């Protein structure tokens, strides 16, 4: 593998990949603005019988935010 073909140089798997300036600026603008969440969960726990499936989850989801 030549230097120009290395994963870091090519951005394979996101390692060393350059983020386009416009995307970086968009993310910075979004993080600077104060968006109230459209969905919020605080300290959620779920048990099925004695099995604890979810423990103390806190989650805020803003408008147009993608979650998976």
C-alpha atoms as a PDB file:
ATOM      1  CA  UNK A   1       0.000   0.000   0.000  1.00  0.00           C
ATOM      2  CA  UNK A   2       1.523   3.295  -1.005  1.00  0.00           C
ATOM      3  CA  UNK A   3       1.388   6.338   1.232  1.00  0.00           C
ATOM      4  CA  UNK A   4      -1.449   7.839  -0.821  1.00  0.00           C
ATOM      5  CA  UNK A   5      -3.437   4.583  -0.510  1.00  0.00           C
ATOM      6  CA  UNK A   6      -3.242   4.360   3.272  1.00  0.00           C
ATOM      7  CA  UNK A   7      -6.589   4.311   5.113  1.00  0.00           C
ATOM      8  CA  UNK A   8      -5.718   7.537   6.911  1.00  0.00           C
ATOM      9  CA  UNK A   9      -4.913   9.340   3.681  1.00  0.00           C
ATOM     10  CA  UNK A  10      -7.971   8.052   1.843  1.00  0.00           C
ATOM     11  CA  UNK A  11     -10.357   8.539   4.746  1.00  0.00           C
ATOM     12  CA  UNK A  12     -11.406   4.868   4.730  1.00  0.00           C
ATOM     13  CA  UNK A  13     -13.717   4.026   7.603  1.00  0.00           C
ATOM     14  CA  UNK A  14     -13.697   7.670   8.609  1.00  0.00           C
ATOM     15  CA  UNK A  15     -10.118   7.506   9.866  1.00  0.00           C
ATOM     16  CA  UNK A  16      -8.356  10.724   9.033  1.00  0.00           C
ATOM     17  CA  UNK A  17     -11.137  11.784   6.692  1.00  0.00           C
ATOM     18  CA  UNK A  18     -11.502  15.469   6.019  1.00  0.00           C
ATOM     19  CA  UNK A  19     -14.861  16.978   6.922  1.00  0.00           C
ATOM     20  CA  UNK A  20     -16.081  19.483   4.348  1.00  0.00           C
ATOM     21  CA  UNK A  21     -15.931  23.005   5.734  1.00  0.00           C
ATOM     22  CA  UNK A  22     -19.614  23.628   5.074  1.00  0.00           C
ATOM     23  CA  UNK A  23     -20.596  20.539   7.090  1.00  0.00           C
ATOM     24  CA  UNK A  24     -18.267  21.489   9.937  1.00  0.00           C
ATOM     25  CA  UNK A  25     -19.680  25.008   9.966  1.00  0.00           C
ATOM     26  CA  UNK A  26     -23.243  23.656   9.911  1.00  0.00           C
ATOM     27  CA  UNK A  27     -22.539  21.392  12.871  1.00  0.00           C
ATOM     28  CA  UNK A  28     -20.927  24.269  14.792  1.00  0.00           C
ATOM     29  CA  UNK A  29     -23.924  26.503  14.092  1.00  0.00           C
ATOM     30  CA  UNK A  30     -26.309  23.795  15.288  1.00  0.00           C
ATOM     31  CA  UNK A  31     -24.331  23.228  18.483  1.00  0.00           C
ATOM     32  CA  UNK A  32     -24.149  26.979  19.171  1.00  0.00           C
ATOM     33  CA  UNK A  33     -27.900  27.485  18.895  1.00  0.00           C
ATOM     34  CA  UNK A  34     -30.079  26.555  21.837  1.00  0.00           C
ATOM     35  CA  UNK A  35     -32.667  24.134  20.487  1.00  0.00           C
ATOM     36  CA  UNK A  36     -35.229  22.837  22.899  1.00  0.00           C
ATOM     37  CA  UNK A  37     -35.716  19.113  22.492  1.00  0.00           C
ATOM     38  CA  UNK A  38     -38.933  17.922  20.894  1.00  0.00           C
ATOM     39  CA  UNK A  39     -38.560  14.683  22.864  1.00  0.00           C
ATOM     40  CA  UNK A  40     -36.790  14.260  26.204  1.00  0.00           C
ATOM     41  CA  UNK A  41     -36.348  11.304  28.545  1.00  0.00           C
ATOM     42  CA  UNK A  42     -34.708  11.478  31.964  1.00  0.00           C
ATOM     43  CA  UNK A  43     -33.477   8.516  34.021  1.00  0.00           C
ATOM     44  CA  UNK A  44     -35.585   5.918  32.184  1.00  0.00           C
ATOM     45  CA  UNK A  45     -35.332   2.368  33.489  1.00  0.00           C
ATOM     46  CA  UNK A  46     -37.230  -0.651  32.152  1.00  0.00           C
ATOM     47  CA  UNK A  47     -37.457  -4.102  33.714  1.00  0.00           C
ATOM     48  CA  UNK A  48     -38.983  -7.301  32.390  1.00  0.00           C
ATOM     49  CA  UNK A  49     -39.611  -9.315  35.521  1.00  0.00           C
ATOM     50  CA  UNK A  50     -36.257  -9.322  37.301  1.00  0.00           C
ATOM     51  CA  UNK A  51     -34.297  -8.544  34.105  1.00  0.00           C
ATOM     52  CA  UNK A  52     -33.270  -4.894  33.792  1.00  0.00           C
ATOM     53  CA  UNK A  53     -33.311  -4.135  30.053  1.00  0.00           C
ATOM     54  CA  UNK A  54     -32.651  -0.377  30.292  1.00  0.00           C
ATOM     55  CA  UNK A  55     -31.019   1.465  33.173  1.00  0.00           C
ATOM     56  CA  UNK A  56     -31.033   5.223  33.829  1.00  0.00           C
ATOM     57  CA  UNK A  57     -31.152   6.425  30.204  1.00  0.00           C
ATOM     58  CA  UNK A  58     -31.330  10.176  29.569  1.00  0.00           C
ATOM     59  CA  UNK A  59     -31.985  11.304  26.003  1.00  0.00           C
ATOM     60  CA  UNK A  60     -32.805  14.591  24.257  1.00  0.00           C
ATOM     61  CA  UNK A  61     -33.865  14.618  20.610  1.00  0.00           C
ATOM     62  CA  UNK A  62     -33.949  17.933  18.760  1.00  0.00           C
ATOM     63  CA  UNK A  63     -36.024  18.750  15.698  1.00  0.00           C
ATOM     64  CA  UNK A  64     -34.478  17.366  12.467  1.00  0.00           C
ATOM     65  CA  UNK A  65     -31.983  15.273  14.469  1.00  0.00           C
ATOM     66  CA  UNK A  66     -31.380  11.816  13.051  1.00  0.00           C
ATOM     67  CA  UNK A  67     -31.235   8.925  15.495  1.00  0.00           C
ATOM     68  CA  UNK A  68     -30.876   5.229  14.868  1.00  0.00           C
END
